[in-house]
Amino acid sequence: MSGPDKPQEPPSLYEEVTAIGYAEAFANACTAVPNRRGVVLMGTCPRCGHAMEYPLVTQVFQNTTLPGSHALPAPGEEHPLLCTCLEAHPERPPGEEGCGAYWNIQLTRSSS
C-alpha cells in the first residue's frame, strides 16, 4: 500500500545506543560543508533515518581565514557524533535532541 492510506511506522524510542555499522552508514551518505568554524556534517541518522546536521567546530575565536579557504578538523582525528534530528522520539529526556544514537567517525580530505 502506498500514499496517504499507508500506515506510518511509529517513531523509534529514544535510546542511547550505538552499533558497528552506524559510522560507515552515516559516512557513506553524509555531506561535509566547510565553514569558518570547522565543518557541518549533513546526512541521515543511521538508526532512525531522519535528516540531521552535526557541526564540528575547530575554530572557537574569530580568525583570519580568508574567503574561499576553510578550516577543517585534522585528518585521522576521531570525532564522536550523535543523532541531532528534530523528529519526535518517545521517552526522549527534556533538553535532548535526536533518537539517542551515537558513533565515531574520522574525517579525511577529499582528493576531488
N, C-alpha and C. Protein backbone atom coordinates (compact mmCIF):
# COMPACT_ATOMS: atom_id res chain seq x y z
N MET A 1 0.85 -1.17 0.00
CA MET A 1 0.00 0.00 0.00
C MET A 1 0.89 1.23 0.00
N SER A 2 0.46 2.25 -0.70
CA SER A 2 1.24 3.49 -0.72
C SER A 2 0.30 4.68 -0.63
N GLY A 3 0.88 5.85 -0.52
CA GLY A 3 0.09 7.07 -0.47
C GLY A 3 -0.39 7.40 0.93
N PRO A 4 -1.42 8.27 1.02
CA PRO A 4 -1.87 8.74 2.34
C PRO A 4 -2.53 7.65 3.18
N ASP A 5 -2.98 6.54 2.56
CA ASP A 5 -3.60 5.46 3.32
C ASP A 5 -2.60 4.52 3.97
N LYS A 6 -1.33 4.65 3.60
CA LYS A 6 -0.31 3.76 4.15
C LYS A 6 -0.08 4.09 5.62
N PRO A 7 -0.20 3.09 6.50
CA PRO A 7 0.05 3.38 7.93
C PRO A 7 1.52 3.71 8.16
N GLN A 8 1.76 4.72 8.98
CA GLN A 8 3.13 5.13 9.28
C GLN A 8 3.66 4.27 10.43
N GLU A 9 4.96 3.97 10.34
CA GLU A 9 5.60 3.26 11.44
C GLU A 9 5.74 4.22 12.62
N PRO A 10 5.57 3.71 13.84
CA PRO A 10 5.76 4.60 14.99
C PRO A 10 7.24 5.00 15.09
N PRO A 11 7.51 6.20 15.60
CA PRO A 11 8.92 6.63 15.72
C PRO A 11 9.65 5.74 16.72
N SER A 12 10.94 5.58 16.47
CA SER A 12 11.75 4.77 17.39
C SER A 12 11.85 5.47 18.73
N LEU A 13 11.90 4.69 19.79
CA LEU A 13 12.07 5.23 21.13
C LEU A 13 13.45 5.84 21.26
N TYR A 14 13.56 6.86 22.09
CA TYR A 14 14.87 7.43 22.40
C TYR A 14 15.65 6.38 23.18
N GLU A 15 16.85 6.08 22.70
CA GLU A 15 17.72 5.13 23.40
C GLU A 15 19.16 5.47 23.07
N GLU A 16 19.98 5.67 24.08
CA GLU A 16 21.40 5.95 23.86
C GLU A 16 22.07 4.63 23.52
N VAL A 17 22.33 4.46 22.23
CA VAL A 17 22.82 3.19 21.71
C VAL A 17 23.72 3.44 20.50
N THR A 18 24.64 2.51 20.26
CA THR A 18 25.48 2.55 19.08
C THR A 18 25.53 1.16 18.48
N ALA A 19 25.99 1.08 17.26
CA ALA A 19 26.16 -0.20 16.58
C ALA A 19 27.34 -0.08 15.63
N ILE A 20 27.94 -1.20 15.32
CA ILE A 20 29.15 -1.21 14.48
C ILE A 20 28.94 -0.49 13.15
N GLY A 21 27.81 -0.64 12.51
CA GLY A 21 27.60 -0.07 11.19
C GLY A 21 27.17 1.38 11.15
N TYR A 22 26.91 2.01 12.29
CA TYR A 22 26.43 3.39 12.29
C TYR A 22 27.41 4.36 11.61
N ALA A 23 28.66 4.28 11.97
CA ALA A 23 29.65 5.22 11.42
C ALA A 23 29.76 5.09 9.91
N GLU A 24 29.87 3.87 9.42
CA GLU A 24 30.01 3.66 7.98
C GLU A 24 28.76 4.11 7.23
N ALA A 25 27.58 3.78 7.76
CA ALA A 25 26.34 4.18 7.11
C ALA A 25 26.22 5.70 7.02
N PHE A 26 26.55 6.39 8.11
CA PHE A 26 26.48 7.84 8.09
C PHE A 26 27.52 8.42 7.13
N ALA A 27 28.75 7.93 7.20
CA ALA A 27 29.82 8.46 6.36
C ALA A 27 29.55 8.27 4.88
N ASN A 28 28.93 7.16 4.52
CA ASN A 28 28.65 6.89 3.10
C ASN A 28 27.60 7.81 2.51
N ALA A 29 26.78 8.43 3.34
CA ALA A 29 25.69 9.23 2.83
C ALA A 29 25.74 10.69 3.25
N CYS A 30 26.73 11.09 4.04
CA CYS A 30 26.72 12.47 4.52
C CYS A 30 27.49 13.40 3.59
N THR A 31 27.23 14.67 3.75
CA THR A 31 27.94 15.72 3.03
C THR A 31 28.62 16.60 4.06
N ALA A 32 29.88 16.93 3.82
CA ALA A 32 30.63 17.82 4.71
C ALA A 32 30.70 19.20 4.07
N VAL A 33 30.20 20.19 4.79
CA VAL A 33 30.19 21.56 4.29
C VAL A 33 31.10 22.40 5.16
N PRO A 34 32.28 22.78 4.64
CA PRO A 34 33.20 23.60 5.43
C PRO A 34 32.63 24.99 5.68
N ASN A 35 32.96 25.54 6.84
CA ASN A 35 32.60 26.91 7.14
C ASN A 35 33.75 27.53 7.94
N ARG A 36 33.58 28.76 8.39
CA ARG A 36 34.68 29.45 9.10
C ARG A 36 35.03 28.80 10.42
N ARG A 37 34.13 28.08 11.02
CA ARG A 37 34.35 27.49 12.34
C ARG A 37 34.74 26.02 12.30
N GLY A 38 34.69 25.40 11.14
CA GLY A 38 35.02 23.98 11.01
C GLY A 38 34.28 23.37 9.85
N VAL A 39 33.37 22.44 10.15
CA VAL A 39 32.62 21.76 9.10
C VAL A 39 31.27 21.33 9.67
N VAL A 40 30.24 21.36 8.83
CA VAL A 40 28.92 20.87 9.22
C VAL A 40 28.69 19.58 8.43
N LEU A 41 28.41 18.49 9.15
CA LEU A 41 28.11 17.22 8.51
C LEU A 41 26.60 17.11 8.37
N MET A 42 26.12 16.94 7.15
CA MET A 42 24.69 16.84 6.89
C MET A 42 24.40 15.46 6.31
N GLY A 43 23.44 14.78 6.91
CA GLY A 43 23.11 13.45 6.43
C GLY A 43 21.89 12.91 7.12
N THR A 44 21.85 11.58 7.23
CA THR A 44 20.72 10.88 7.81
C THR A 44 21.20 10.02 8.96
N CYS A 45 20.49 10.04 10.06
CA CYS A 45 20.85 9.20 11.20
C CYS A 45 20.73 7.74 10.79
N PRO A 46 21.76 6.94 11.04
CA PRO A 46 21.71 5.53 10.65
C PRO A 46 20.75 4.69 11.49
N ARG A 47 20.30 5.20 12.60
CA ARG A 47 19.36 4.45 13.43
C ARG A 47 17.91 4.79 13.10
N CYS A 48 17.55 6.08 13.16
CA CYS A 48 16.15 6.46 12.98
C CYS A 48 15.82 6.86 11.54
N GLY A 49 16.84 7.16 10.74
CA GLY A 49 16.60 7.52 9.35
C GLY A 49 16.17 8.94 9.10
N HIS A 50 16.22 9.80 10.13
CA HIS A 50 15.81 11.19 9.97
C HIS A 50 17.00 12.06 9.56
N ALA A 51 16.70 13.15 8.87
CA ALA A 51 17.73 14.11 8.46
C ALA A 51 18.32 14.77 9.70
N MET A 52 19.63 15.01 9.64
CA MET A 52 20.32 15.66 10.77
C MET A 52 21.51 16.44 10.26
N GLU A 53 21.94 17.39 11.07
CA GLU A 53 23.16 18.16 10.82
C GLU A 53 23.99 18.12 12.09
N TYR A 54 25.30 18.03 11.93
CA TYR A 54 26.18 17.99 13.11
C TYR A 54 27.37 18.90 12.86
N PRO A 55 27.50 20.00 13.59
CA PRO A 55 28.65 20.89 13.40
C PRO A 55 29.88 20.37 14.15
N LEU A 56 31.01 20.34 13.48
CA LEU A 56 32.29 20.04 14.13
C LEU A 56 33.06 21.35 14.17
N VAL A 57 33.14 21.92 15.32
CA VAL A 57 33.78 23.22 15.50
C VAL A 57 35.26 23.01 15.76
N THR A 58 36.09 23.67 14.96
CA THR A 58 37.54 23.59 15.16
C THR A 58 38.14 24.96 15.44
N GLN A 59 37.38 26.00 15.20
CA GLN A 59 37.85 27.36 15.43
C GLN A 59 36.89 28.05 16.39
N VAL A 60 37.36 28.37 17.59
CA VAL A 60 36.48 28.96 18.59
C VAL A 60 36.45 30.48 18.48
N PHE A 61 37.57 31.08 18.18
CA PHE A 61 37.66 32.54 18.12
C PHE A 61 37.70 32.99 16.68
N GLN A 62 37.31 34.23 16.48
CA GLN A 62 37.38 34.78 15.13
C GLN A 62 38.83 34.66 14.66
N ASN A 63 38.98 34.23 13.42
CA ASN A 63 40.34 34.04 12.90
C ASN A 63 40.52 34.82 11.61
N THR A 64 41.66 34.65 11.02
CA THR A 64 41.98 35.38 9.80
C THR A 64 41.84 34.49 8.57
N THR A 65 40.95 33.49 8.63
CA THR A 65 40.72 32.64 7.47
C THR A 65 40.21 33.49 6.33
N LEU A 66 40.85 33.38 5.20
CA LEU A 66 40.47 34.17 4.04
C LEU A 66 39.26 33.55 3.35
N PRO A 67 38.43 34.37 2.71
CA PRO A 67 37.30 33.82 1.96
C PRO A 67 37.79 32.79 0.95
N GLY A 68 37.10 31.67 0.86
CA GLY A 68 37.50 30.62 -0.07
C GLY A 68 38.39 29.57 0.55
N SER A 69 38.99 29.84 1.70
CA SER A 69 39.76 28.82 2.39
C SER A 69 38.99 28.42 3.64
N HIS A 70 39.13 27.17 4.05
CA HIS A 70 38.31 26.68 5.15
C HIS A 70 39.16 25.92 6.15
N ALA A 71 38.83 26.07 7.41
CA ALA A 71 39.49 25.32 8.47
C ALA A 71 38.75 24.00 8.63
N LEU A 72 39.44 22.88 8.48
CA LEU A 72 38.85 21.56 8.64
C LEU A 72 39.50 20.84 9.80
N PRO A 73 38.77 19.95 10.45
CA PRO A 73 39.38 19.16 11.52
C PRO A 73 40.57 18.37 10.97
N ALA A 74 41.51 18.06 11.85
CA ALA A 74 42.69 17.32 11.44
C ALA A 74 42.30 15.94 10.89
N PRO A 75 42.85 15.55 9.72
CA PRO A 75 42.54 14.24 9.17
C PRO A 75 42.97 13.13 10.14
N GLY A 76 42.17 12.08 10.23
CA GLY A 76 42.50 10.95 11.09
C GLY A 76 42.07 11.13 12.52
N GLU A 77 41.69 12.34 12.91
CA GLU A 77 41.23 12.59 14.27
C GLU A 77 39.81 12.04 14.41
N GLU A 78 39.57 11.29 15.48
CA GLU A 78 38.25 10.69 15.68
C GLU A 78 37.31 11.69 16.35
N HIS A 79 36.07 11.75 15.83
CA HIS A 79 35.07 12.67 16.35
C HIS A 79 33.82 11.91 16.74
N PRO A 80 33.35 12.10 17.96
CA PRO A 80 32.08 11.47 18.35
C PRO A 80 30.92 12.27 17.75
N LEU A 81 29.94 11.56 17.21
CA LEU A 81 28.73 12.18 16.67
C LEU A 81 27.53 11.56 17.36
N LEU A 82 26.44 12.31 17.39
CA LEU A 82 25.20 11.75 17.87
C LEU A 82 24.06 12.31 17.05
N CYS A 83 22.97 11.57 17.03
CA CYS A 83 21.82 11.99 16.24
C CYS A 83 21.33 13.34 16.76
N THR A 84 21.10 14.26 15.84
CA THR A 84 20.58 15.57 16.19
C THR A 84 19.29 15.87 15.43
N CYS A 85 18.59 14.80 15.00
CA CYS A 85 17.37 15.03 14.23
C CYS A 85 16.36 15.80 15.07
N LEU A 86 15.43 16.43 14.40
CA LEU A 86 14.42 17.24 15.08
C LEU A 86 13.08 16.51 15.22
N GLU A 87 13.04 15.26 14.80
CA GLU A 87 11.80 14.48 14.88
C GLU A 87 11.54 14.04 16.32
N ALA A 88 10.29 13.76 16.63
CA ALA A 88 9.90 13.31 17.97
C ALA A 88 10.29 11.85 18.18
N HIS A 89 10.86 11.56 19.33
CA HIS A 89 11.19 10.20 19.73
C HIS A 89 10.68 10.01 21.15
N PRO A 90 9.70 9.10 21.33
CA PRO A 90 9.15 8.87 22.67
C PRO A 90 10.23 8.53 23.68
N GLU A 91 10.05 8.99 24.89
CA GLU A 91 10.95 8.77 26.03
C GLU A 91 12.25 9.56 25.95
N ARG A 92 12.30 10.55 25.05
CA ARG A 92 13.49 11.41 24.98
C ARG A 92 13.47 12.34 26.18
N PRO A 93 14.57 12.42 26.91
CA PRO A 93 14.62 13.32 28.07
C PRO A 93 14.48 14.79 27.67
N PRO A 94 13.90 15.60 28.53
CA PRO A 94 13.80 17.03 28.23
C PRO A 94 15.18 17.63 27.97
N GLY A 95 15.26 18.50 27.00
CA GLY A 95 16.51 19.17 26.68
C GLY A 95 17.41 18.38 25.74
N GLU A 96 17.06 17.15 25.42
CA GLU A 96 17.85 16.34 24.48
C GLU A 96 17.25 16.48 23.09
N GLU A 97 18.00 16.06 22.09
CA GLU A 97 17.51 16.02 20.72
C GLU A 97 17.92 14.70 20.10
N GLY A 98 17.35 14.37 18.98
CA GLY A 98 17.70 13.15 18.28
C GLY A 98 17.05 11.91 18.88
N CYS A 99 17.54 10.75 18.42
CA CYS A 99 16.98 9.47 18.86
C CYS A 99 17.86 8.78 19.88
N GLY A 100 19.05 9.35 20.16
CA GLY A 100 19.96 8.76 21.14
C GLY A 100 21.11 8.01 20.52
N ALA A 101 21.08 7.78 19.20
CA ALA A 101 22.16 7.04 18.54
C ALA A 101 23.45 7.85 18.56
N TYR A 102 24.58 7.16 18.67
CA TYR A 102 25.89 7.82 18.62
C TYR A 102 26.90 6.90 17.96
N TRP A 103 27.96 7.51 17.43
CA TRP A 103 29.01 6.78 16.73
C TRP A 103 30.22 7.69 16.59
N ASN A 104 31.36 7.14 16.18
CA ASN A 104 32.60 7.90 15.97
C ASN A 104 32.96 7.85 14.50
N ILE A 105 33.47 8.97 13.99
CA ILE A 105 33.95 9.00 12.61
C ILE A 105 35.31 9.65 12.55
N GLN A 106 36.00 9.42 11.45
CA GLN A 106 37.25 10.10 11.15
C GLN A 106 37.07 10.83 9.84
N LEU A 107 37.44 12.09 9.79
CA LEU A 107 37.33 12.86 8.56
C LEU A 107 38.62 12.75 7.76
N THR A 108 38.48 12.70 6.46
CA THR A 108 39.63 12.72 5.56
C THR A 108 39.37 13.78 4.52
N ARG A 109 40.43 14.32 3.99
CA ARG A 109 40.28 15.32 2.94
C ARG A 109 40.03 14.62 1.62
N SER A 110 39.08 15.16 0.85
CA SER A 110 38.75 14.60 -0.45
C SER A 110 39.79 15.04 -1.46
N SER A 111 40.10 14.16 -2.40
CA SER A 111 41.07 14.50 -3.43
C SER A 111 40.42 15.19 -4.61
N SER A 112 39.10 15.34 -4.60
CA SER A 112 38.40 15.97 -5.73
C SER A 112 38.26 17.45 -5.54
